[in-house]
Amino acid sequence: MSANVIMFPKVAALPWREAAAEALSARAPPDCWPHRWAIAKQGLRRFLAKGWGNQAARMGWTGDELYRVPPLWTQTHLTGVALLIGNWRVAAVTEASIVVETPAGFRVKFRRAWRGHFA
C-alpha cells in the first residue's frame, strides 16, 4: 500500500472526511510554491493518520476549520489548520485550539475562530 493513501474505516461518510479527501486531492492555491504545498499535504496526511482528525471532529471542529484550501495561500486566516501543520508535530487538540510543536521544541497554538469567520 502506498504511503500516501489514507484508509478510513468503513462507516457512513462524514462531512469532515469528505472535506479532508477534497483537500488531499486539491490543487495548490495559485500563490503557493509546489514544495510548500507538498509539505502542507504531508502534514495533513499525518494529521489524519495519527487520528487527530477523528479527535478534532469529536471536539466539534468543522471540515472548513480543519481542511479548507484557501483561494490564496497568503490568506492563512482562511486556511484549514491541518494544512498549516506541515512538518510540525500535533501535541494536543481541544475544543478551542490545536497545539503543535516545532522541531526546535517551540509550541504554536492555532485558536478556533468564531463561527461566522468562514461564512
PDB file of N, CA and C in Angstrom:
ATOM      1  N   MET A   1       0.845  -1.184   0.000  1.00  0.00           N
ATOM      2  CA  MET A   1       0.000   0.000   0.000  1.00  0.00           C
ATOM      3  C   MET A   1       0.885   1.240   0.000  1.00  0.00           C
ATOM      4  N   SER A   2       0.532   2.223  -0.768  1.00  0.00           N
ATOM      5  CA  SER A   2       1.296   3.455  -0.874  1.00  0.00           C
ATOM      6  C   SER A   2       1.264   4.232   0.433  1.00  0.00           C
ATOM      7  N   ALA A   3       2.358   4.889   0.765  1.00  0.00           N
ATOM      8  CA  ALA A   3       2.425   5.700   1.977  1.00  0.00           C
ATOM      9  C   ALA A   3       1.522   6.919   1.893  1.00  0.00           C
ATOM     10  N   ASN A   4       1.071   7.270   0.696  1.00  0.00           N
ATOM     11  CA  ASN A   4       0.241   8.453   0.512  1.00  0.00           C
ATOM     12  C   ASN A   4      -1.247   8.155   0.623  1.00  0.00           C
ATOM     13  N   VAL A   5      -1.616   6.915   0.876  1.00  0.00           N
ATOM     14  CA  VAL A   5      -3.022   6.536   0.930  1.00  0.00           C
ATOM     15  C   VAL A   5      -3.477   6.519   2.379  1.00  0.00           C
ATOM     16  N   ILE A   6      -4.565   7.209   2.655  1.00  0.00           N
ATOM     17  CA  ILE A   6      -5.166   7.212   3.982  1.00  0.00           C
ATOM     18  C   ILE A   6      -6.405   6.340   3.917  1.00  0.00           C
ATOM     19  N   MET A   7      -6.468   5.316   4.738  1.00  0.00           N
ATOM     20  CA  MET A   7      -7.622   4.425   4.769  1.00  0.00           C
ATOM     21  C   MET A   7      -8.520   4.825   5.938  1.00  0.00           C
ATOM     22  N   PHE A   8      -9.785   5.056   5.648  1.00  0.00           N
ATOM     23  CA  PHE A   8     -10.757   5.362   6.679  1.00  0.00           C
ATOM     24  C   PHE A   8     -11.579   4.112   6.956  1.00  0.00           C
ATOM     25  N   PRO A   9     -12.012   3.914   8.202  1.00  0.00           N
ATOM     26  CA  PRO A   9     -12.889   2.778   8.489  1.00  0.00           C
ATOM     27  C   PRO A   9     -14.153   2.854   7.642  1.00  0.00           C
ATOM     28  N   LYS A  10     -14.742   1.708   7.360  1.00  0.00           N
ATOM     29  CA  LYS A  10     -15.957   1.678   6.538  1.00  0.00           C
ATOM     30  C   LYS A  10     -17.162   2.047   7.397  1.00  0.00           C
ATOM     31  N   VAL A  11     -17.452   3.326   7.398  1.00  0.00           N
ATOM     32  CA  VAL A  11     -18.624   3.865   8.082  1.00  0.00           C
ATOM     33  C   VAL A  11     -19.236   4.880   7.139  1.00  0.00           C
ATOM     34  N   ALA A  12     -20.410   5.377   7.501  1.00  0.00           N
ATOM     35  CA  ALA A  12     -21.053   6.392   6.674  1.00  0.00           C
ATOM     36  C   ALA A  12     -20.117   7.584   6.515  1.00  0.00           C
ATOM     37  N   ALA A  13     -20.100   8.149   5.324  1.00  0.00           N
ATOM     38  CA  ALA A  13     -19.235   9.293   5.065  1.00  0.00           C
ATOM     39  C   ALA A  13     -19.644  10.465   5.952  1.00  0.00           C
ATOM     40  N   LEU A  14     -18.678  11.042   6.594  1.00  0.00           N
ATOM     41  CA  LEU A  14     -18.916  12.198   7.436  1.00  0.00           C
ATOM     42  C   LEU A  14     -18.419  13.442   6.714  1.00  0.00           C
ATOM     43  N   PRO A  15     -19.067  14.581   6.936  1.00  0.00           N
ATOM     44  CA  PRO A  15     -18.668  15.798   6.228  1.00  0.00           C
ATOM     45  C   PRO A  15     -17.182  16.128   6.379  1.00  0.00           C
ATOM     46  N   TRP A  16     -16.602  15.934   7.559  1.00  0.00           N
ATOM     47  CA  TRP A  16     -15.190  16.281   7.743  1.00  0.00           C
ATOM     48  C   TRP A  16     -14.295  15.353   6.928  1.00  0.00           C
ATOM     49  N   ARG A  17     -14.697  14.107   6.762  1.00  0.00           N
ATOM     50  CA  ARG A  17     -13.888  13.180   5.960  1.00  0.00           C
ATOM     51  C   ARG A  17     -13.937  13.564   4.486  1.00  0.00           C
ATOM     52  N   GLU A  18     -15.106  13.993   4.037  1.00  0.00           N
ATOM     53  CA  GLU A  18     -15.219  14.461   2.658  1.00  0.00           C
ATOM     54  C   GLU A  18     -14.347  15.696   2.448  1.00  0.00           C
ATOM     55  N   ALA A  19     -14.346  16.598   3.430  1.00  0.00           N
ATOM     56  CA  ALA A  19     -13.524  17.808   3.331  1.00  0.00           C
ATOM     57  C   ALA A  19     -12.036  17.447   3.313  1.00  0.00           C
ATOM     58  N   ALA A  20     -11.640  16.458   4.112  1.00  0.00           N
ATOM     59  CA  ALA A  20     -10.238  16.025   4.130  1.00  0.00           C
ATOM     60  C   ALA A  20      -9.845  15.425   2.786  1.00  0.00           C
ATOM     61  N   ALA A  21     -10.707  14.595   2.238  1.00  0.00           N
ATOM     62  CA  ALA A  21     -10.420  13.976   0.938  1.00  0.00           C
ATOM     63  C   ALA A  21     -10.316  15.037  -0.157  1.00  0.00           C
ATOM     64  N   GLU A  22     -11.190  16.046  -0.104  1.00  0.00           N
ATOM     65  CA  GLU A  22     -11.135  17.130  -1.090  1.00  0.00           C
ATOM     66  C   GLU A  22      -9.828  17.908  -0.969  1.00  0.00           C
ATOM     67  N   ALA A  23      -9.395  18.169   0.264  1.00  0.00           N
ATOM     68  CA  ALA A  23      -8.147  18.904   0.466  1.00  0.00           C
ATOM     69  C   ALA A  23      -6.954  18.103  -0.048  1.00  0.00           C
ATOM     70  N   LEU A  24      -6.972  16.794   0.176  1.00  0.00           N
ATOM     71  CA  LEU A  24      -5.870  15.953  -0.288  1.00  0.00           C
ATOM     72  C   LEU A  24      -5.776  15.905  -1.812  1.00  0.00           C
ATOM     73  N   SER A  25      -6.908  16.041  -2.475  1.00  0.00           N
ATOM     74  CA  SER A  25      -6.900  15.975  -3.938  1.00  0.00           C
ATOM     75  C   SER A  25      -6.874  17.362  -4.593  1.00  0.00           C
ATOM     76  N   ALA A  26      -6.929  18.407  -3.792  1.00  0.00           N
ATOM     77  CA  ALA A  26      -6.985  19.775  -4.324  1.00  0.00           C
ATOM     78  C   ALA A  26      -5.646  20.215  -4.908  1.00  0.00           C
ATOM     79  N   ARG A  27      -5.742  21.113  -5.880  1.00  0.00           N
ATOM     80  CA  ARG A  27      -4.550  21.760  -6.413  1.00  0.00           C
ATOM     81  C   ARG A  27      -4.105  22.853  -5.447  1.00  0.00           C
ATOM     82  N   ALA A  28      -2.859  23.175  -5.526  1.00  0.00           N
ATOM     83  CA  ALA A  28      -2.319  24.249  -4.690  1.00  0.00           C
ATOM     84  C   ALA A  28      -2.940  25.582  -5.080  1.00  0.00           C
ATOM     85  N   PRO A  29      -3.145  26.470  -4.104  1.00  0.00           N
ATOM     86  CA  PRO A  29      -3.560  27.827  -4.455  1.00  0.00           C
ATOM     87  C   PRO A  29      -2.516  28.435  -5.398  1.00  0.00           C
ATOM     88  N   PRO A  30      -2.919  29.376  -6.253  1.00  0.00           N
ATOM     89  CA  PRO A  30      -2.015  29.886  -7.286  1.00  0.00           C
ATOM     90  C   PRO A  30      -0.744  30.551  -6.750  1.00  0.00           C
ATOM     91  N   ASP A  31      -0.759  31.052  -5.522  1.00  0.00           N
ATOM     92  CA  ASP A  31       0.429  31.720  -4.984  1.00  0.00           C
ATOM     93  C   ASP A  31       1.266  30.816  -4.073  1.00  0.00           C
ATOM     94  N   CYS A  32       0.987  29.522  -4.075  1.00  0.00           N
ATOM     95  CA  CYS A  32       1.700  28.579  -3.205  1.00  0.00           C
ATOM     96  C   CYS A  32       2.736  27.812  -4.019  1.00  0.00           C
ATOM     97  N   TRP A  33       3.970  27.832  -3.567  1.00  0.00           N
ATOM     98  CA  TRP A  33       5.033  27.096  -4.243  1.00  0.00           C
ATOM     99  C   TRP A  33       4.764  25.602  -4.139  1.00  0.00           C
ATOM    100  N   PRO A  34       5.074  24.835  -5.161  1.00  0.00           N
ATOM    101  CA  PRO A  34       4.831  23.387  -5.145  1.00  0.00           C
ATOM    102  C   PRO A  34       5.451  22.682  -3.936  1.00  0.00           C
ATOM    103  N   HIS A  35       6.669  23.083  -3.545  1.00  0.00           N
ATOM    104  CA  HIS A  35       7.311  22.449  -2.390  1.00  0.00           C
ATOM    105  C   HIS A  35       6.514  22.721  -1.112  1.00  0.00           C
ATOM    106  N   ARG A  36       6.036  23.946  -0.960  1.00  0.00           N
ATOM    107  CA  ARG A  36       5.264  24.302   0.242  1.00  0.00           C
ATOM    108  C   ARG A  36       3.943  23.536   0.271  1.00  0.00           C
ATOM    109  N   TRP A  37       3.307  23.368  -0.883  1.00  0.00           N
ATOM    110  CA  TRP A  37       2.044  22.632  -0.956  1.00  0.00           C
ATOM    111  C   TRP A  37       2.273  21.156  -0.613  1.00  0.00           C
ATOM    112  N   ALA A  38       3.376  20.589  -1.065  1.00  0.00           N
ATOM    113  CA  ALA A  38       3.704  19.199  -0.737  1.00  0.00           C
ATOM    114  C   ALA A  38       3.872  19.030   0.770  1.00  0.00           C
ATOM    115  N   ILE A  39       4.511  19.986   1.428  1.00  0.00           N
ATOM    116  CA  ILE A  39       4.679  19.931   2.888  1.00  0.00           C
ATOM    117  C   ILE A  39       3.327  20.052   3.581  1.00  0.00           C
ATOM    118  N   ALA A  40       2.473  20.931   3.082  1.00  0.00           N
ATOM    119  CA  ALA A  40       1.137  21.106   3.673  1.00  0.00           C
ATOM    120  C   ALA A  40       0.336  19.805   3.590  1.00  0.00           C
ATOM    121  N   LYS A  41       0.369  19.157   2.432  1.00  0.00           N
ATOM    122  CA  LYS A  41      -0.380  17.911   2.272  1.00  0.00           C
ATOM    123  C   LYS A  41       0.235  16.776   3.079  1.00  0.00           C
ATOM    124  N   GLN A  42       1.555  16.774   3.242  1.00  0.00           N
ATOM    125  CA  GLN A  42       2.211  15.779   4.085  1.00  0.00           C
ATOM    126  C   GLN A  42       1.732  15.930   5.533  1.00  0.00           C
ATOM    127  N   GLY A  43       1.669  17.167   6.010  1.00  0.00           N
ATOM    128  CA  GLY A  43       1.170  17.419   7.363  1.00  0.00           C
ATOM    129  C   GLY A  43      -0.281  17.000   7.518  1.00  0.00           C
ATOM    130  N   LEU A  44      -1.081  17.243   6.501  1.00  0.00           N
ATOM    131  CA  LEU A  44      -2.494  16.841   6.515  1.00  0.00           C
ATOM    132  C   LEU A  44      -2.609  15.318   6.597  1.00  0.00           C
ATOM    133  N   ARG A  45      -1.824  14.610   5.795  1.00  0.00           N
ATOM    134  CA  ARG A  45      -1.866  13.139   5.828  1.00  0.00           C
ATOM    135  C   ARG A  45      -1.481  12.607   7.210  1.00  0.00           C
ATOM    136  N   ARG A  46      -0.455  13.185   7.801  1.00  0.00           N
ATOM    137  CA  ARG A  46      -0.018  12.754   9.130  1.00  0.00           C
ATOM    138  C   ARG A  46      -1.092  13.061  10.181  1.00  0.00           C
ATOM    139  N   PHE A  47      -1.739  14.215  10.069  1.00  0.00           N
ATOM    140  CA  PHE A  47      -2.821  14.608  10.980  1.00  0.00           C
ATOM    141  C   PHE A  47      -3.930  13.555  10.950  1.00  0.00           C
ATOM    142  N   LEU A  48      -4.264  13.097   9.751  1.00  0.00           N
ATOM    143  CA  LEU A  48      -5.308  12.083   9.608  1.00  0.00           C
ATOM    144  C   LEU A  48      -4.835  10.715  10.088  1.00  0.00           C
ATOM    145  N   ALA A  49      -3.634  10.324   9.702  1.00  0.00           N
ATOM    146  CA  ALA A  49      -3.113   9.005  10.044  1.00  0.00           C
ATOM    147  C   ALA A  49      -2.941   8.812  11.548  1.00  0.00           C
ATOM    148  N   LYS A  50      -2.620   9.873  12.257  1.00  0.00           N
ATOM    149  CA  LYS A  50      -2.426   9.789  13.712  1.00  0.00           C
ATOM    150  C   LYS A  50      -3.740   9.878  14.488  1.00  0.00           C
ATOM    151  N   GLY A  51      -4.866  10.034  13.772  1.00  0.00           N
ATOM    152  CA  GLY A  51      -6.168  10.072  14.444  1.00  0.00           C
ATOM    153  C   GLY A  51      -6.603  11.434  14.947  1.00  0.00           C
ATOM    154  N   TRP A  52      -5.816  12.463  14.640  1.00  0.00           N
ATOM    155  CA  TRP A  52      -6.185  13.799  15.118  1.00  0.00           C
ATOM    156  C   TRP A  52      -7.449  14.324  14.438  1.00  0.00           C
ATOM    157  N   GLY A  53      -7.708  13.910  13.204  1.00  0.00           N
ATOM    158  CA  GLY A  53      -8.932  14.323  12.519  1.00  0.00           C
ATOM    159  C   GLY A  53     -10.163  13.803  13.240  1.00  0.00           C
ATOM    160  N   ASN A  54     -10.117  12.545  13.669  1.00  0.00           N
ATOM    161  CA  ASN A  54     -11.225  11.971  14.440  1.00  0.00           C
ATOM    162  C   ASN A  54     -11.435  12.743  15.735  1.00  0.00           C
ATOM    163  N   GLN A  55     -10.336  12.995  16.448  1.00  0.00           N
ATOM    164  CA  GLN A  55     -10.449  13.695  17.724  1.00  0.00           C
ATOM    165  C   GLN A  55     -10.990  15.105  17.530  1.00  0.00           C
ATOM    166  N   ALA A  56     -10.501  15.807  16.532  1.00  0.00           N
ATOM    167  CA  ALA A  56     -10.980  17.173  16.287  1.00  0.00           C
ATOM    168  C   ALA A  56     -12.468  17.176  15.936  1.00  0.00           C
ATOM    169  N   ALA A  57     -12.901  16.204  15.133  1.00  0.00           N
ATOM    170  CA  ALA A  57     -14.319  16.117  14.778  1.00  0.00           C
ATOM    171  C   ALA A  57     -15.165  15.868  16.020  1.00  0.00           C
ATOM    172  N   ARG A  58     -14.695  15.008  16.905  1.00  0.00           N
ATOM    173  CA  ARG A  58     -15.436  14.760  18.163  1.00  0.00           C
ATOM    174  C   ARG A  58     -15.506  16.019  19.022  1.00  0.00           C
ATOM    175  N   MET A  59     -14.510  16.886  18.892  1.00  0.00           N
ATOM    176  CA  MET A  59     -14.482  18.136  19.658  1.00  0.00           C
ATOM    177  C   MET A  59     -15.310  19.234  18.990  1.00  0.00           C
ATOM    178  N   GLY A  60     -15.875  18.938  17.814  1.00  0.00           N
ATOM    179  CA  GLY A  60     -16.755  19.898  17.157  1.00  0.00           C
ATOM    180  C   GLY A  60     -16.113  20.726  16.047  1.00  0.00           C
ATOM    181  N   TRP A  61     -14.849  20.458  15.733  1.00  0.00           N
ATOM    182  CA  TRP A  61     -14.206  21.181  14.638  1.00  0.00           C
ATOM    183  C   TRP A  61     -14.879  20.810  13.324  1.00  0.00           C
ATOM    184  N   THR A  62     -15.076  21.788  12.460  1.00  0.00           N
ATOM    185  CA  THR A  62     -15.743  21.552  11.176  1.00  0.00           C
ATOM    186  C   THR A  62     -14.711  21.235  10.091  1.00  0.00           C
ATOM    187  N   GLY A  63     -15.205  20.741   8.967  1.00  0.00           N
ATOM    188  CA  GLY A  63     -14.339  20.474   7.833  1.00  0.00           C
ATOM    189  C   GLY A  63     -13.617  21.719   7.366  1.00  0.00           C
ATOM    190  N   ASP A  64     -14.300  22.848   7.312  1.00  0.00           N
ATOM    191  CA  ASP A  64     -13.653  24.098   6.888  1.00  0.00           C
ATOM    192  C   ASP A  64     -12.554  24.513   7.863  1.00  0.00           C
ATOM    193  N   GLU A  65     -12.816  24.405   9.151  1.00  0.00           N
ATOM    194  CA  GLU A  65     -11.817  24.804  10.141  1.00  0.00           C
ATOM    195  C   GLU A  65     -10.552  23.951  10.041  1.00  0.00           C
ATOM    196  N   LEU A  66     -10.710  22.707   9.638  1.00  0.00           N
ATOM    197  CA  LEU A  66      -9.580  21.787   9.582  1.00  0.00           C
ATOM    198  C   LEU A  66      -8.937  21.675   8.205  1.00  0.00           C
ATOM    199  N   TYR A  67      -9.734  21.679   7.138  1.00  0.00           N
ATOM    200  CA  TYR A  67      -9.234  21.261   5.833  1.00  0.00           C
ATOM    201  C   TYR A  67      -9.458  22.252   4.701  1.00  0.00           C
ATOM    202  N   ARG A  68      -9.911  23.444   4.996  1.00  0.00           N
ATOM    203  CA  ARG A  68     -10.219  24.393   3.922  1.00  0.00           C
ATOM    204  C   ARG A  68      -8.968  24.796   3.156  1.00  0.00           C
ATOM    205  N   VAL A  69      -9.041  24.710   1.840  1.00  0.00           N
ATOM    206  CA  VAL A  69      -7.978  25.185   0.950  1.00  0.00           C
ATOM    207  C   VAL A  69      -8.345  26.624   0.585  1.00  0.00           C
ATOM    208  N   PRO A  70      -7.488  27.588   0.919  1.00  0.00           N
ATOM    209  CA  PRO A  70      -7.838  28.984   0.665  1.00  0.00           C
ATOM    210  C   PRO A  70      -7.702  29.361  -0.804  1.00  0.00           C
ATOM    211  N   PRO A  71      -8.377  30.421  -1.227  1.00  0.00           N
ATOM    212  CA  PRO A  71      -8.218  30.887  -2.608  1.00  0.00           C
ATOM    213  C   PRO A  71      -6.765  31.272  -2.901  1.00  0.00           C
ATOM    214  N   LEU A  72      -6.104  31.868  -1.908  1.00  0.00           N
ATOM    215  CA  LEU A  72      -4.685  32.220  -1.988  1.00  0.00           C
ATOM    216  C   LEU A  72      -3.994  31.711  -0.733  1.00  0.00           C
ATOM    217  N   TRP A  73      -2.783  31.164  -0.885  1.00  0.00           N
ATOM    218  CA  TRP A  73      -2.068  30.599   0.254  1.00  0.00           C
ATOM    219  C   TRP A  73      -1.735  31.679   1.284  1.00  0.00           C
ATOM    220  N   THR A  74      -1.579  32.908   0.847  1.00  0.00           N
ATOM    221  CA  THR A  74      -1.283  34.000   1.766  1.00  0.00           C
ATOM    222  C   THR A  74      -2.467  34.340   2.670  1.00  0.00           C
ATOM    223  N   GLN A  75      -3.630  33.797   2.389  1.00  0.00           N
ATOM    224  CA  GLN A  75      -4.814  34.027   3.229  1.00  0.00           C
ATOM    225  C   GLN A  75      -4.882  32.939   4.304  1.00  0.00           C
ATOM    226  N   THR A  76      -3.906  32.968   5.197  1.00  0.00           N
ATOM    227  CA  THR A  76      -3.838  31.917   6.228  1.00  0.00           C
ATOM    228  C   THR A  76      -5.056  31.939   7.146  1.00  0.00           C
ATOM    229  N   HIS A  77      -5.700  33.080   7.278  1.00  0.00           N
ATOM    230  CA  HIS A  77      -6.897  33.151   8.112  1.00  0.00           C
ATOM    231  C   HIS A  77      -8.059  32.343   7.516  1.00  0.00           C
ATOM    232  N   LEU A  78      -7.961  31.974   6.250  1.00  0.00           N
ATOM    233  CA  LEU A  78      -8.986  31.160   5.591  1.00  0.00           C
ATOM    234  C   LEU A  78      -8.532  29.711   5.380  1.00  0.00           C
ATOM    235  N   THR A  79      -7.374  29.363   5.881  1.00  0.00           N
ATOM    236  CA  THR A  79      -6.784  28.049   5.646  1.00  0.00           C
ATOM    237  C   THR A  79      -7.107  27.103   6.792  1.00  0.00           C
ATOM    238  N   GLY A  80      -7.479  25.866   6.466  1.00  0.00           N
ATOM    239  CA  GLY A  80      -7.720  24.860   7.478  1.00  0.00           C
ATOM    240  C   GLY A  80      -6.451  24.539   8.247  1.00  0.00           C
ATOM    241  N   VAL A  81      -6.592  24.365   9.548  1.00  0.00           N
ATOM    242  CA  VAL A  81      -5.439  24.144  10.424  1.00  0.00           C
ATOM    243  C   VAL A  81      -4.606  22.948   9.980  1.00  0.00           C
ATOM    244  N   ALA A  82      -5.233  21.876   9.558  1.00  0.00           N
ATOM    245  CA  ALA A  82      -4.481  20.672   9.186  1.00  0.00           C
ATOM    246  C   ALA A  82      -3.538  20.924   8.019  1.00  0.00           C
ATOM    247  N   LEU A  83      -3.827  21.919   7.198  1.00  0.00           N
ATOM    248  CA  LEU A  83      -2.926  22.263   6.092  1.00  0.00           C
ATOM    249  C   LEU A  83      -1.781  23.160   6.544  1.00  0.00           C
ATOM    250  N   LEU A  84      -1.887  23.732   7.726  1.00  0.00           N
ATOM    251  CA  LEU A  84      -0.840  24.622   8.233  1.00  0.00           C
ATOM    252  C   LEU A  84       0.174  23.889   9.111  1.00  0.00           C
ATOM    253  N   ILE A  85      -0.087  22.646   9.433  1.00  0.00           N
ATOM    254  CA  ILE A  85       0.776  21.894  10.355  1.00  0.00           C
ATOM    255  C   ILE A  85       2.131  21.582   9.741  1.00  0.00           C
ATOM    256  N   GLY A  86       2.153  21.197   8.490  1.00  0.00           N
ATOM    257  CA  GLY A  86       3.416  20.924   7.814  1.00  0.00           C
ATOM    258  C   GLY A  86       4.261  19.887   8.531  1.00  0.00           C
ATOM    259  N   ASN A  87       5.507  20.242   8.842  1.00  0.00           N
ATOM    260  CA  ASN A  87       6.446  19.320   9.487  1.00  0.00           C
ATOM    261  C   ASN A  87       6.363  19.344  11.009  1.00  0.00           C
ATOM    262  N   TRP A  88       5.437  20.080  11.548  1.00  0.00           N
ATOM    263  CA  TRP A  88       5.311  20.161  12.993  1.00  0.00           C
ATOM    264  C   TRP A  88       4.527  18.975  13.535  1.00  0.00           C
ATOM    265  N   ARG A  89       4.699  18.688  14.816  1.00  0.00           N
ATOM    266  CA  ARG A  89       4.025  17.576  15.473  1.00  0.00           C
ATOM    267  C   ARG A  89       2.824  18.098  16.256  1.00  0.00           C
ATOM    268  N   VAL A  90       1.674  17.451  16.098  1.00  0.00           N
ATOM    269  CA  VAL A  90       0.499  17.845  16.874  1.00  0.00           C
ATOM    270  C   VAL A  90       0.697  17.365  18.306  1.00  0.00           C
ATOM    271  N   ALA A  91       0.539  18.276  19.245  1.00  0.00           N
ATOM    272  CA  ALA A  91       0.710  17.956  20.657  1.00  0.00           C
ATOM    273  C   ALA A  91      -0.638  17.800  21.361  1.00  0.00           C
ATOM    274  N   ALA A  92      -1.661  18.547  20.910  1.00  0.00           N
ATOM    275  CA  ALA A  92      -2.966  18.485  21.569  1.00  0.00           C
ATOM    276  C   ALA A  92      -4.042  19.057  20.663  1.00  0.00           C
ATOM    277  N   VAL A  93      -5.237  18.491  20.805  1.00  0.00           N
ATOM    278  CA  VAL A  93      -6.431  19.012  20.145  1.00  0.00           C
ATOM    279  C   VAL A  93      -7.491  19.184  21.224  1.00  0.00           C
ATOM    280  N   THR A  94      -8.009  20.406  21.342  1.00  0.00           N
ATOM    281  CA  THR A  94      -9.089  20.678  22.293  1.00  0.00           C
ATOM    282  C   THR A  94     -10.246  21.312  21.530  1.00  0.00           C
ATOM    283  N   GLU A  95     -11.329  21.599  22.219  1.00  0.00           N
ATOM    284  CA  GLU A  95     -12.463  22.269  21.588  1.00  0.00           C
ATOM    285  C   GLU A  95     -12.085  23.663  21.102  1.00  0.00           C
ATOM    286  N   ALA A  96     -11.114  24.289  21.746  1.00  0.00           N
ATOM    287  CA  ALA A  96     -10.775  25.680  21.442  1.00  0.00           C
ATOM    288  C   ALA A  96      -9.525  25.859  20.593  1.00  0.00           C
ATOM    289  N   SER A  97      -8.640  24.849  20.553  1.00  0.00           N
ATOM    290  CA  SER A  97      -7.379  25.058  19.844  1.00  0.00           C
ATOM    291  C   SER A  97      -6.712  23.743  19.447  1.00  0.00           C
ATOM    292  N   ILE A  98      -5.748  23.879  18.550  1.00  0.00           N
ATOM    293  CA  ILE A  98      -4.859  22.780  18.178  1.00  0.00           C
ATOM    294  C   ILE A  98      -3.450  23.282  18.431  1.00  0.00           C
ATOM    295  N   VAL A  99      -2.709  22.520  19.238  1.00  0.00           N
ATOM    296  CA  VAL A  99      -1.351  22.904  19.607  1.00  0.00           C
ATOM    297  C   VAL A  99      -0.372  22.008  18.853  1.00  0.00           C
ATOM    298  N   VAL A 100       0.614  22.641  18.217  1.00  0.00           N
ATOM    299  CA  VAL A 100       1.652  21.897  17.505  1.00  0.00           C
ATOM    300  C   VAL A 100       3.008  22.272  18.085  1.00  0.00           C
ATOM    301  N   GLU A 101       3.957  21.379  17.869  1.00  0.00           N
ATOM    302  CA  GLU A 101       5.307  21.599  18.362  1.00  0.00           C
ATOM    303  C   GLU A 101       6.272  21.578  17.184  1.00  0.00           C
ATOM    304  N   THR A 102       7.132  22.576  17.119  1.00  0.00           N
ATOM    305  CA  THR A 102       8.117  22.659  16.050  1.00  0.00           C
ATOM    306  C   THR A 102       9.270  21.703  16.350  1.00  0.00           C
ATOM    307  N   PRO A 103      10.101  21.393  15.349  1.00  0.00           N
ATOM    308  CA  PRO A 103      11.261  20.530  15.614  1.00  0.00           C
ATOM    309  C   PRO A 103      12.193  21.091  16.693  1.00  0.00           C
ATOM    310  N   ALA A 104      12.211  22.409  16.876  1.00  0.00           N
ATOM    311  CA  ALA A 104      13.060  23.027  17.900  1.00  0.00           C
ATOM    312  C   ALA A 104      12.417  22.987  19.286  1.00  0.00           C
ATOM    313  N   GLY A 105      11.178  22.479  19.366  1.00  0.00           N
ATOM    314  CA  GLY A 105      10.513  22.361  20.658  1.00  0.00           C
ATOM    315  C   GLY A 105       9.588  23.507  21.021  1.00  0.00           C
ATOM    316  N   PHE A 106       9.442  24.486  20.145  1.00  0.00           N
ATOM    317  CA  PHE A 106       8.525  25.593  20.410  1.00  0.00           C
ATOM    318  C   PHE A 106       7.101  25.135  20.142  1.00  0.00           C
ATOM    319  N   ARG A 107       6.160  25.657  20.903  1.00  0.00           N
ATOM    320  CA  ARG A 107       4.758  25.315  20.710  1.00  0.00           C
ATOM    321  C   ARG A 107       4.010  26.472  20.073  1.00  0.00           C
ATOM    322  N   VAL A 108       3.141  26.126  19.119  1.00  0.00           N
ATOM    323  CA  VAL A 108       2.300  27.100  18.423  1.00  0.00           C
ATOM    324  C   VAL A 108       0.862  26.665  18.618  1.00  0.00           C
ATOM    325  N   LYS A 109       0.005  27.606  18.980  1.00  0.00           N
ATOM    326  CA  LYS A 109      -1.402  27.289  19.216  1.00  0.00           C
ATOM    327  C   LYS A 109      -2.256  27.935  18.134  1.00  0.00           C
ATOM    328  N   PHE A 110      -3.014  27.100  17.420  1.00  0.00           N
ATOM    329  CA  PHE A 110      -3.991  27.586  16.456  1.00  0.00           C
ATOM    330  C   PHE A 110      -5.325  27.654  17.185  1.00  0.00           C
ATOM    331  N   ARG A 111      -5.802  28.856  17.400  1.00  0.00           N
ATOM    332  CA  ARG A 111      -7.075  29.024  18.111  1.00  0.00           C
ATOM    333  C   ARG A 111      -8.231  28.961  17.129  1.00  0.00           C
ATOM    334  N   ARG A 112      -9.303  28.405  17.602  1.00  0.00           N
ATOM    335  CA  ARG A 112     -10.503  28.277  16.796  1.00  0.00           C
ATOM    336  C   ARG A 112     -11.144  29.650  16.589  1.00  0.00           C
ATOM    337  N   ALA A 113     -11.542  29.934  15.357  1.00  0.00           N
ATOM    338  CA  ALA A 113     -12.177  31.211  15.035  1.00  0.00           C
ATOM    339  C   ALA A 113     -13.646  31.174  15.420  1.00  0.00           C
ATOM    340  N   TRP A 114     -14.225  32.316  15.554  1.00  0.00           N
ATOM    341  CA  TRP A 114     -15.659  32.358  15.812  1.00  0.00           C
ATOM    342  C   TRP A 114     -16.401  31.808  14.593  1.00  0.00           C
ATOM    343  N   ARG A 115     -17.583  31.312  14.790  1.00  0.00           N
ATOM    344  CA  ARG A 115     -18.331  30.560  13.768  1.00  0.00           C
ATOM    345  C   ARG A 115     -18.592  31.321  12.475  1.00  0.00           C
ATOM    346  N   GLY A 116     -18.787  32.620  12.507  1.00  0.00           N
ATOM    347  CA  GLY A 116     -19.079  33.377  11.289  1.00  0.00           C
ATOM    348  C   GLY A 116     -17.848  33.640  10.438  1.00  0.00           C
ATOM    349  N   HIS A 117     -16.678  33.231  10.921  1.00  0.00           N
ATOM    350  CA  HIS A 117     -15.414  33.518  10.245  1.00  0.00           C
ATOM    351  C   HIS A 117     -15.349  32.927   8.834  1.00  0.00           C
ATOM    352  N   PHE A 118     -15.906  31.755   8.622  1.00  0.00           N
ATOM    353  CA  PHE A 118     -15.810  31.087   7.334  1.00  0.00           C
ATOM    354  C   PHE A 118     -16.992  31.366   6.420  1.00  0.00           C
ATOM    355  N   ALA A 119     -17.909  32.203   6.861  1.00  0.00           N
ATOM    356  CA  ALA A 119     -19.109  32.475   6.056  1.00  0.00           C
ATOM    357  C   ALA A 119     -18.770  33.227   4.795  1.00  0.00           C
TER     358      ALA A 119
END
